[in-house]
Structures are given as C-alpha cells and as structure tokens.
Amino acid sequence: MADLINVGKSDVSSIKLGLGTNKVGGHNLFKNLNDEDGYAVVKEAIDSGITTLDTAYMYGLGRSEEIIGDVIQNYDRSKLVIATKGAQNPDKDNAPDNNPEFLKATVEASLKRLKTDYIDVFYIHFPDENTPKDEAVAALNELKKEGKIKAIGVSNFSLDQVKEANKDGLVDIVEDNYSLVHRDAEKSLFPYLRANKISFVPYFPLASGLLTGKYNLGDANKFKQFSKDQFSDIMDALGVVHKVANKTNSTVGEVILAWYMKNPDISIVIPGARKPEQVDQNVKSLDIDLRNSDYHAIDEAFAEFV
C-alpha cells in the first residue's frame, strides 16, 4: 500500500500514516465520546491498512489503551505498531514524573491494558522538572533490552531536553506539536533530529480542524491563538490547497496529510478520528501523488508560520 519508514535506529517500521487515538476512550479530553465508536475507529483503521496506533495513558486515563488492547486481539500483533505514552503520576494528580522506577511501572501498566507483551514505541509523554532526562531514557533502554519496548521516544520536550535525553544516543523518535500553521520545530528541532537519525511525529497535524478546509473568514473567533490578520493569511494559504485538492479530486484535509507524508522530516502523521468515516477519509490521502510543484506551492503559502 505504501512505503515503510524505520523509527529512528530501531527495527520498528511503519507506513507514513497512522491513527491518533485521543478520541478513542479519551472521555477526559472530549465530550460526547462513546466507546462503541472508539472500537469501530480502531478496527476500521487496521482493516484499512493503517499499522500504527498512537495512544497514551492520558487518553481516558488508560481507557484508550484498553480499547486498543481489546481490538488487537483479533489481528496479527506482529504487523501492528503500538505506540503509547506515559509519565503522569496518579499519586501526584497526574503531574509529570520521569523517575526511572515510575516509568518502568508505567510501561508495565500499559502492557497490561494493551494486553500485549511488548510496546513498539514508548514515549515519555511530558518532561518533569527534576529527573535527568538521560537517566529516564536509560530506564527505558533497560526495558528495551528485555524486549518490553522496541523504540524509545520523548514528547513535548524542548530541544535542550531532547539533547539531554539523547546523551547516549538512545532516543529513536520525538512527538511534538507541529502543523503548517505551527512550524517552529523546523528551525529549532528538525536540524538536530536529522543529524541524529531521530524520527519525528507531529501531533495536531490538522490544527484542531483548522486545516481541513471547513472554516472561512467568519470563523476567526474560534481560533483565538491567531490574530485576525494571521487567520486571513491562513484562509488565503488554504486557497492554494483547495486548488491542489481540485486537481487531485481530494479534500483539503487529505492534501494536507499528503503534504506531511511527502515531507522528509516527518516520519509518521497521526490524524485522529471520532468516527470510522473519518478514518476512511484520512486513508484516502495515501493515494494522492503530490507533485513537487504542488508540495512547494503549499510550503510557500504557509511560509510565514515557520
């Protein structure tokens, strides 16, 4: 269906499109979710050829992992890439805790919820203030040697924290906020990741729906993180994407996902889905053969957000 990429220096491989599952069991994050939809979304993703499922303890305080764990019992585990994240300590009001022993316990708890004996990618979800990051990663490396995890990741780390975590060259992958309207990582993070063969996964790739093309100038007040001028510029840039979408008989959202998959600095893009139909729409982006000229036109249209 699609070319495979390797996750960092590990032996984990995936196609470039995965599924973000914060809306699968993430009752603490989103209103009006139901688990029936969550089960259907995960099943639809796997049946559609998606191999990477990205979850976290914080998505429903373990509920997302439980749903995924139930669904994957009916599939060939060796063909799936299960990525999860942890670091929040329930005994400390879910504050970030990177203590090596706590992280080891967190992995064990995730393994039980996921009903599997190994996790393909485990991320430290958030940094804490005190733990040396290389010590936190060293604890995960012990689990890697035991076969309980296959690749080591960090999420929401600053560049300095990523460097500290990677002091011994053990970090395989970084997950952080990145989209065409939030491109800071291109200057701050990507050069280091590139030089150290560390993969990158963007979360919020569609900017909470802004980049799906369903909004217009009158919706500026729904995105208060942007000034009116910035929002107007985003609408103009999406006009460029609309033209590409028309040429490729695709939606704006599908073209945006195709842009990320063509970007050499992005390893796996993980759009979320609340309903199975959204999974189907995301999967269509795999069939878009984005021309270099269109890729560069979109890149230039959103250049002010670098």
Protein backbone atom coordinates (compact mmCIF):
# COMPACT_ATOMS: atom_id res chain seq x y z
CA MET A 1 0.00 0.00 0.00
CA ALA A 2 2.74 2.43 0.92
CA ASP A 3 6.45 2.64 1.54
CA LEU A 4 7.71 1.80 5.02
CA ILE A 5 9.86 4.04 7.18
CA ASN A 6 12.05 2.98 10.07
CA VAL A 7 11.57 4.53 13.50
CA GLY A 8 14.90 6.08 14.41
CA LYS A 9 17.63 3.49 14.82
CA SER A 10 15.19 0.78 15.91
CA ASP A 11 13.83 -2.14 13.90
CA VAL A 12 10.26 -0.77 14.11
CA SER A 13 8.82 0.08 10.69
CA SER A 14 5.55 1.67 9.63
CA ILE A 15 3.76 3.25 6.73
CA LYS A 16 3.70 7.07 7.00
CA LEU A 17 0.04 7.30 8.03
CA GLY A 18 -1.08 6.21 11.49
CA LEU A 19 -4.06 6.80 13.77
CA GLY A 20 -4.08 9.20 16.70
CA THR A 21 -6.44 7.81 19.34
CA ASN A 22 -7.10 10.62 21.80
CA LYS A 23 -10.76 10.41 20.69
CA VAL A 24 -10.77 6.67 21.36
CA GLY A 25 -11.71 6.41 25.01
CA GLY A 26 -10.49 9.92 25.77
CA HIS A 27 -13.53 10.82 27.84
CA ASN A 28 -11.47 13.21 29.99
CA LEU A 29 -10.47 15.18 26.88
CA PHE A 30 -13.57 15.29 24.68
CA LYS A 31 -17.31 15.50 25.29
CA ASN A 32 -19.85 13.02 23.94
CA LEU A 33 -17.44 10.20 23.10
CA ASN A 34 -18.70 6.66 23.26
CA ASP A 35 -16.63 3.53 23.41
CA GLU A 36 -18.60 1.84 20.65
CA ASP A 37 -17.28 4.44 18.21
CA GLY A 38 -13.80 4.04 19.66
CA TYR A 39 -13.78 0.31 18.99
CA ALA A 40 -15.11 0.90 15.46
CA VAL A 41 -12.46 3.55 14.71
CA VAL A 42 -9.56 1.30 15.72
CA LYS A 43 -10.96 -1.65 13.80
CA GLU A 44 -11.58 0.47 10.69
CA ALA A 45 -8.03 1.82 10.81
CA ILE A 46 -6.45 -1.63 10.94
CA ASP A 47 -8.81 -3.02 8.30
CA SER A 48 -7.87 -0.08 6.05
CA GLY A 49 -4.16 -0.91 6.24
CA ILE A 50 -3.05 1.50 8.95
CA THR A 51 -0.46 -0.23 11.10
CA THR A 52 0.50 2.43 13.69
CA LEU A 53 -1.89 3.21 16.55
CA ASP A 54 -0.77 6.12 18.73
CA THR A 55 -2.25 6.23 22.22
CA ALA A 56 -1.40 7.36 25.76
CA TYR A 57 -2.33 6.77 29.38
CA MET A 58 -3.83 10.29 29.46
CA TYR A 59 -6.39 9.40 26.81
CA GLY A 60 -9.11 8.37 29.21
CA LEU A 61 -6.60 7.54 31.97
CA GLY A 62 -5.89 4.20 30.36
CA ARG A 63 -9.23 3.66 28.61
CA SER A 64 -7.83 4.26 25.13
CA GLU A 65 -5.15 1.64 25.75
CA GLU A 66 -7.80 -0.82 26.99
CA ILE A 67 -9.92 -0.38 23.86
CA ILE A 68 -6.92 -0.85 21.59
CA GLY A 69 -5.87 -3.87 23.64
CA ASP A 70 -9.28 -5.46 23.10
CA VAL A 71 -9.33 -4.81 19.34
CA ILE A 72 -5.81 -6.04 18.55
CA GLN A 73 -6.57 -9.47 19.99
CA ASN A 74 -8.30 -10.20 16.67
CA TYR A 75 -5.31 -9.22 14.50
CA ASP A 76 -1.75 -10.33 13.82
CA ARG A 77 0.15 -8.40 16.50
CA SER A 78 3.44 -8.64 14.60
CA LYS A 79 2.00 -6.47 11.80
CA LEU A 80 0.94 -3.65 14.12
CA VAL A 81 2.92 -0.79 15.64
CA ILE A 82 1.53 0.16 19.03
CA ALA A 83 2.86 3.48 20.31
CA THR A 84 1.87 4.72 23.75
CA LYS A 85 2.91 7.49 26.08
CA GLY A 86 3.16 7.79 29.84
CA ALA A 87 4.72 9.90 32.59
CA GLN A 88 1.74 11.23 34.52
CA ASN A 89 1.74 10.03 38.13
CA PRO A 90 -1.78 9.36 39.51
CA ASP A 91 -0.40 9.74 43.06
CA LYS A 92 0.66 13.30 42.20
CA ASP A 93 -2.55 14.47 40.48
CA ASN A 94 -1.13 13.14 37.19
CA ALA A 95 1.78 15.58 37.29
CA PRO A 96 4.68 14.57 35.01
CA ASP A 97 7.06 12.12 36.66
CA ASN A 98 10.16 10.89 34.80
CA ASN A 99 11.58 8.94 37.74
CA PRO A 100 13.15 5.77 36.27
CA GLU A 101 11.26 3.39 38.56
CA PHE A 102 7.96 5.14 37.94
CA LEU A 103 8.49 4.96 34.18
CA LYS A 104 9.18 1.23 34.41
CA ALA A 105 5.96 0.76 36.38
CA THR A 106 4.12 2.89 33.82
CA VAL A 107 5.28 0.64 30.98
CA GLU A 108 4.16 -2.47 32.88
CA ALA A 109 0.70 -0.94 33.44
CA SER A 110 0.41 -0.04 29.75
CA LEU A 111 1.38 -3.58 28.73
CA LYS A 112 -1.49 -4.95 30.83
CA ARG A 113 -4.05 -2.50 29.45
CA LEU A 114 -2.90 -3.15 25.89
CA LYS A 115 -2.95 -6.92 26.51
CA THR A 116 0.40 -7.36 24.80
CA ASP A 117 3.86 -8.44 25.86
CA TYR A 118 5.69 -5.62 24.09
CA ILE A 119 5.15 -2.00 23.09
CA ASP A 120 6.64 -0.92 19.77
CA VAL A 121 7.20 2.73 20.75
CA PHE A 122 7.05 4.09 24.28
CA TYR A 123 7.23 7.86 24.74
CA ILE A 124 7.90 9.83 27.90
CA HIS A 125 4.78 11.95 27.44
CA PHE A 126 5.92 15.11 29.25
CA PRO A 127 9.16 16.15 30.97
CA ASP A 128 9.22 16.69 34.72
CA GLU A 129 11.29 19.39 36.37
CA ASN A 130 13.84 17.31 38.25
CA THR A 131 14.76 14.00 36.64
CA PRO A 132 17.88 14.00 34.42
CA LYS A 133 16.46 13.06 31.04
CA ASP A 134 19.28 10.68 30.13
CA GLU A 135 18.56 8.71 33.33
CA ALA A 136 14.88 8.47 32.40
CA VAL A 137 15.80 7.19 28.93
CA ALA A 138 18.34 4.75 30.40
CA ALA A 139 15.49 3.13 32.36
CA LEU A 140 13.52 2.69 29.15
CA ASN A 141 16.60 1.24 27.50
CA GLU A 142 16.68 -1.46 30.17
CA LEU A 143 13.13 -2.38 29.18
CA LYS A 144 14.19 -2.30 25.53
CA LYS A 145 16.91 -4.84 26.28
CA GLU A 146 14.28 -7.01 27.97
CA GLY A 147 12.11 -6.84 24.84
CA LYS A 148 9.26 -4.98 26.54
CA ILE A 149 9.64 -1.94 24.28
CA LYS A 150 11.23 -1.72 20.86
CA ALA A 151 11.81 2.01 20.37
CA ILE A 152 12.28 4.91 22.80
CA GLY A 153 10.52 8.24 22.34
CA VAL A 154 10.02 11.57 24.06
CA SER A 155 7.14 14.01 23.65
CA ASN A 156 6.70 17.71 24.46
CA PHE A 157 10.43 18.06 25.20
CA SER A 158 12.32 21.26 24.38
CA LEU A 159 15.38 20.96 22.13
CA ASP A 160 17.68 21.08 25.18
CA GLN A 161 15.66 18.35 26.87
CA VAL A 162 15.79 16.21 23.73
CA LYS A 163 19.57 16.63 23.64
CA GLU A 164 19.85 15.66 27.31
CA ALA A 165 17.58 12.65 26.75
CA ASN A 166 19.69 11.59 23.78
CA LYS A 167 23.03 11.98 25.55
CA ASP A 168 23.76 8.30 24.97
CA GLY A 169 22.16 8.17 21.50
CA LEU A 170 19.20 6.11 22.71
CA VAL A 171 16.25 8.26 21.56
CA ASP A 172 14.56 6.93 18.42
CA ILE A 173 11.62 9.28 17.97
CA VAL A 174 10.15 12.62 19.08
CA GLU A 175 6.46 13.56 19.05
CA ASP A 176 5.54 17.24 19.27
CA ASN A 177 3.02 19.85 18.21
CA TYR A 178 3.58 20.65 14.54
CA SER A 179 1.43 21.66 11.60
CA LEU A 180 1.57 24.01 8.63
CA VAL A 181 0.38 26.80 10.95
CA HIS A 182 2.75 25.83 13.79
CA ARG A 183 6.13 25.30 12.17
CA ASP A 184 8.57 26.38 14.91
CA ALA A 185 10.10 22.89 15.02
CA GLU A 186 11.54 23.31 11.52
CA LYS A 187 14.16 25.73 12.81
CA SER A 188 14.52 24.64 16.42
CA LEU A 189 14.21 20.86 16.36
CA PHE A 190 14.43 19.33 12.88
CA PRO A 191 18.14 20.01 12.23
CA TYR A 192 19.11 18.14 15.43
CA LEU A 193 16.75 15.24 14.71
CA ARG A 194 18.04 14.95 11.17
CA ALA A 195 21.68 14.90 12.31
CA ASN A 196 20.98 12.24 14.93
CA LYS A 197 18.69 9.94 12.91
CA ILE A 198 15.74 10.58 15.20
CA SER A 199 12.25 10.27 13.71
CA PHE A 200 9.55 12.89 14.16
CA VAL A 201 5.78 12.55 14.60
CA PRO A 202 3.58 15.67 14.62
CA TYR A 203 0.50 15.83 16.77
CA PHE A 204 -2.40 18.17 15.93
CA PRO A 205 -1.41 17.89 12.22
CA LEU A 206 -4.76 19.34 11.13
CA ALA A 207 -4.59 22.08 13.80
CA SER A 208 -7.80 21.04 15.55
CA GLY A 209 -9.71 21.04 12.27
CA LEU A 210 -8.47 24.40 11.02
CA LEU A 211 -6.57 22.77 8.15
CA THR A 212 -9.47 20.63 6.95
CA GLY A 213 -10.88 23.48 4.85
CA LYS A 214 -14.23 23.57 6.63
CA TYR A 215 -13.76 27.07 8.10
CA ASN A 216 -13.94 30.52 6.49
CA LEU A 217 -13.06 34.11 7.42
CA GLY A 218 -16.13 34.39 9.63
CA ASP A 219 -14.77 31.70 11.94
CA ALA A 220 -11.76 33.72 13.14
CA ASN A 221 -13.14 33.98 16.68
CA LYS A 222 -12.99 30.17 17.01
CA PHE A 223 -9.18 30.28 16.74
CA LYS A 224 -8.11 32.97 19.16
CA GLN A 225 -4.46 31.87 19.07
CA PHE A 226 -4.22 33.67 15.72
CA SER A 227 -4.68 37.37 15.08
CA LYS A 228 -7.29 38.37 12.50
CA ASP A 229 -4.53 39.09 10.01
CA GLN A 230 -2.93 35.69 10.63
CA PHE A 231 -6.28 33.95 10.26
CA SER A 232 -6.87 35.77 6.99
CA ASP A 233 -3.43 34.63 5.78
CA ILE A 234 -4.31 31.04 6.72
CA MET A 235 -7.51 31.24 4.69
CA ASP A 236 -5.50 32.56 1.73
CA ALA A 237 -2.98 29.74 2.09
CA LEU A 238 -5.78 27.19 2.23
CA GLY A 239 -6.96 28.63 -1.08
CA VAL A 240 -3.74 27.24 -2.59
CA VAL A 241 -4.50 23.85 -1.04
CA HIS A 242 -8.06 23.99 -2.44
CA LYS A 243 -6.62 24.29 -5.95
CA VAL A 244 -4.44 21.21 -5.42
CA ALA A 245 -7.42 19.35 -3.93
CA ASN A 246 -9.49 20.14 -7.01
CA LYS A 247 -6.73 18.88 -9.30
CA THR A 248 -6.34 15.63 -7.37
CA ASN A 249 -10.06 15.11 -6.71
CA SER A 250 -9.34 15.21 -2.97
CA THR A 251 -10.34 17.18 0.10
CA VAL A 252 -8.20 19.90 1.64
CA GLY A 253 -7.54 17.73 4.69
CA GLU A 254 -6.38 14.83 2.54
CA VAL A 255 -3.95 17.08 0.63
CA ILE A 256 -2.55 18.46 3.90
CA LEU A 257 -1.91 14.91 5.16
CA ALA A 258 -0.27 14.05 1.82
CA TRP A 259 1.98 17.11 2.25
CA TYR A 260 3.18 15.83 5.63
CA MET A 261 3.82 12.37 4.22
CA LYS A 262 5.94 13.86 1.43
CA ASN A 263 7.92 15.95 3.92
CA PRO A 264 11.26 14.15 4.54
CA ASP A 265 11.45 15.46 8.12
CA ILE A 266 8.18 13.78 9.12
CA SER A 267 8.12 10.04 9.74
CA ILE A 268 4.51 9.23 10.61
CA VAL A 269 1.48 11.53 10.62
CA ILE A 270 -1.26 10.55 13.08
CA PRO A 271 -4.58 12.33 12.47
CA GLY A 272 -7.30 11.43 14.94
CA ALA A 273 -10.83 10.26 14.26
CA ARG A 274 -14.03 10.22 16.24
CA LYS A 275 -15.96 8.10 13.70
CA PRO A 276 -14.91 5.34 11.26
CA GLU A 277 -15.85 7.54 8.29
CA GLN A 278 -13.11 9.99 9.30
CA VAL A 279 -10.59 7.16 9.20
CA ASP A 280 -11.70 6.33 5.67
CA GLN A 281 -11.23 9.95 4.63
CA ASN A 282 -7.74 10.11 6.14
CA VAL A 283 -6.72 6.88 4.40
CA LYS A 284 -7.55 8.43 1.02
CA SER A 285 -4.53 10.71 1.49
CA LEU A 286 -2.30 7.69 0.82
CA ASP A 287 -3.50 7.65 -2.78
CA ILE A 288 -2.55 11.26 -3.50
CA ASP A 289 0.60 11.53 -5.60
CA LEU A 290 1.54 15.09 -4.65
CA ARG A 291 3.63 16.75 -7.33
CA ASN A 292 6.81 18.51 -6.27
CA SER A 293 5.45 21.78 -7.64
CA ASP A 294 2.29 21.46 -5.53
CA TYR A 295 4.29 20.47 -2.45
CA HIS A 296 6.45 23.60 -2.80
CA ALA A 297 3.44 25.82 -3.53
CA ILE A 298 1.79 24.72 -0.28
CA ASP A 299 5.07 25.08 1.60
CA GLU A 300 5.42 28.65 0.33
CA ALA A 301 1.79 29.53 1.06
CA PHE A 302 2.34 28.78 4.76
CA ALA A 303 5.91 30.15 4.88
CA GLU A 304 5.13 32.90 7.41
CA PHE A 305 4.40 30.26 10.07
CA VAL A 306 7.95 28.84 10.03
